[in-house]
Amino acid sequence: MTEFNENEYKREWRKENMKPVRASFKKDFVDQFKEACKILGISQADAIREAMNNTIQKADEISKK
């Protein structure tokens, strides 16, 4: 019987269930974003997730009309 490898399990789960989103912006803009997130006490991922969810909701509203 093989021993359970938690790291391998997590790696496989991420591979099957997660997808990266990439973008490049000017350094000053990214620095402002990082500082804004710090001030707001949220992670960059949380800010991006919120923006993505808002975009999805707007598109859903338009498509229902």
C-alpha atoms as a PDB file:
ATOM      1  CA  MET A   1       0.000   0.000   0.000  1.00  0.00           C
ATOM      2  CA  THR A   2       1.413   3.395  -0.977  1.00  0.00           C
ATOM      3  CA  GLU A   3       1.685   6.161   1.538  1.00  0.00           C
ATOM      4  CA  PHE A   4      -0.574   9.207   1.055  1.00  0.00           C
ATOM      5  CA  ASN A   5       1.407  12.132  -0.319  1.00  0.00           C
ATOM      6  CA  GLU A   6      -0.410  15.349   0.592  1.00  0.00           C
ATOM      7  CA  ASN A   7       1.790  17.560  -1.591  1.00  0.00           C
ATOM      8  CA  GLU A   8       1.204  15.364  -4.624  1.00  0.00           C
ATOM      9  CA  TYR A   9      -2.543  15.365  -3.948  1.00  0.00           C
ATOM     10  CA  LYS A  10      -2.614  19.188  -3.733  1.00  0.00           C
ATOM     11  CA  ARG A  11      -0.540  19.506  -6.895  1.00  0.00           C
ATOM     12  CA  GLU A  12      -2.898  17.207  -8.819  1.00  0.00           C
ATOM     13  CA  TRP A  13      -5.982  18.966  -7.430  1.00  0.00           C
ATOM     14  CA  ARG A  14      -4.630  22.362  -8.529  1.00  0.00           C
ATOM     15  CA  LYS A  15      -3.777  20.972 -11.958  1.00  0.00           C
ATOM     16  CA  GLU A  16      -7.315  19.653 -12.441  1.00  0.00           C
ATOM     17  CA  ASN A  17      -9.291  22.480 -10.805  1.00  0.00           C
ATOM     18  CA  MET A  18      -7.375  25.752 -11.089  1.00  0.00           C
ATOM     19  CA  LYS A  19      -6.423  27.951 -14.024  1.00  0.00           C
ATOM     20  CA  PRO A  20      -4.072  30.953 -13.882  1.00  0.00           C
ATOM     21  CA  VAL A  21      -5.050  34.423 -15.080  1.00  0.00           C
ATOM     22  CA  ARG A  22      -2.148  36.533 -16.297  1.00  0.00           C
ATOM     23  CA  ALA A  23      -1.812  40.187 -17.166  1.00  0.00           C
ATOM     24  CA  SER A  24       1.018  42.692 -17.430  1.00  0.00           C
ATOM     25  CA  PHE A  25       0.732  46.332 -16.437  1.00  0.00           C
ATOM     26  CA  LYS A  26       3.104  49.240 -15.960  1.00  0.00           C
ATOM     27  CA  LYS A  27       5.170  49.023 -12.790  1.00  0.00           C
ATOM     28  CA  ASP A  28       3.697  52.188 -11.254  1.00  0.00           C
ATOM     29  CA  PHE A  29       0.151  50.897 -11.743  1.00  0.00           C
ATOM     30  CA  VAL A  30       1.002  47.544 -10.135  1.00  0.00           C
ATOM     31  CA  ASP A  31       2.725  49.278  -7.218  1.00  0.00           C
ATOM     32  CA  GLN A  32      -0.377  51.442  -6.670  1.00  0.00           C
ATOM     33  CA  PHE A  33      -2.582  48.347  -6.790  1.00  0.00           C
ATOM     34  CA  LYS A  34      -0.415  46.508  -4.255  1.00  0.00           C
ATOM     35  CA  GLU A  35      -0.457  49.504  -1.911  1.00  0.00           C
ATOM     36  CA  ALA A  36      -4.231  49.915  -2.289  1.00  0.00           C
ATOM     37  CA  CYS A  37      -4.758  46.252  -1.407  1.00  0.00           C
ATOM     38  CA  LYS A  38      -2.505  46.652   1.610  1.00  0.00           C
ATOM     39  CA  ILE A  39      -4.440  49.719   2.795  1.00  0.00           C
ATOM     40  CA  LEU A  40      -7.756  47.916   2.284  1.00  0.00           C
ATOM     41  CA  GLY A  41      -6.442  44.831   4.062  1.00  0.00           C
ATOM     42  CA  ILE A  42      -7.253  42.494   1.172  1.00  0.00           C
ATOM     43  CA  SER A  43      -5.115  40.210  -0.928  1.00  0.00           C
ATOM     44  CA  GLN A  44      -4.443  40.960  -4.564  1.00  0.00           C
ATOM     45  CA  ALA A  45      -6.210  37.710  -5.425  1.00  0.00           C
ATOM     46  CA  ASP A  46      -9.312  38.859  -3.518  1.00  0.00           C
ATOM     47  CA  ALA A  47      -9.371  42.178  -5.415  1.00  0.00           C
ATOM     48  CA  ILE A  48      -8.985  40.420  -8.763  1.00  0.00           C
ATOM     49  CA  ARG A  49     -11.626  37.817  -7.846  1.00  0.00           C
ATOM     50  CA  GLU A  50     -14.079  40.608  -6.928  1.00  0.00           C
ATOM     51  CA  ALA A  51     -13.461  42.375 -10.250  1.00  0.00           C
ATOM     52  CA  MET A  52     -13.944  39.107 -12.144  1.00  0.00           C
ATOM     53  CA  ASN A  53     -17.173  38.325 -10.252  1.00  0.00           C
ATOM     54  CA  ASN A  54     -18.521  41.833 -10.985  1.00  0.00           C
ATOM     55  CA  THR A  55     -17.745  41.381 -14.675  1.00  0.00           C
ATOM     56  CA  ILE A  56     -19.483  37.991 -14.735  1.00  0.00           C
ATOM     57  CA  GLN A  57     -22.556  39.427 -12.962  1.00  0.00           C
ATOM     58  CA  LYS A  58     -22.786  42.337 -15.429  1.00  0.00           C
ATOM     59  CA  ALA A  59     -22.536  39.955 -18.377  1.00  0.00           C
ATOM     60  CA  ASP A  60     -25.234  37.718 -16.832  1.00  0.00           C
ATOM     61  CA  GLU A  61     -27.555  40.716 -16.417  1.00  0.00           C
ATOM     62  CA  ILE A  62     -27.054  41.746 -20.031  1.00  0.00           C
ATOM     63  CA  SER A  63     -27.554  38.228 -21.359  1.00  0.00           C
ATOM     64  CA  LYS A  64     -30.852  37.871 -19.441  1.00  0.00           C
ATOM     65  CA  LYS A  65     -32.380  40.917 -21.144  1.00  0.00           C
END
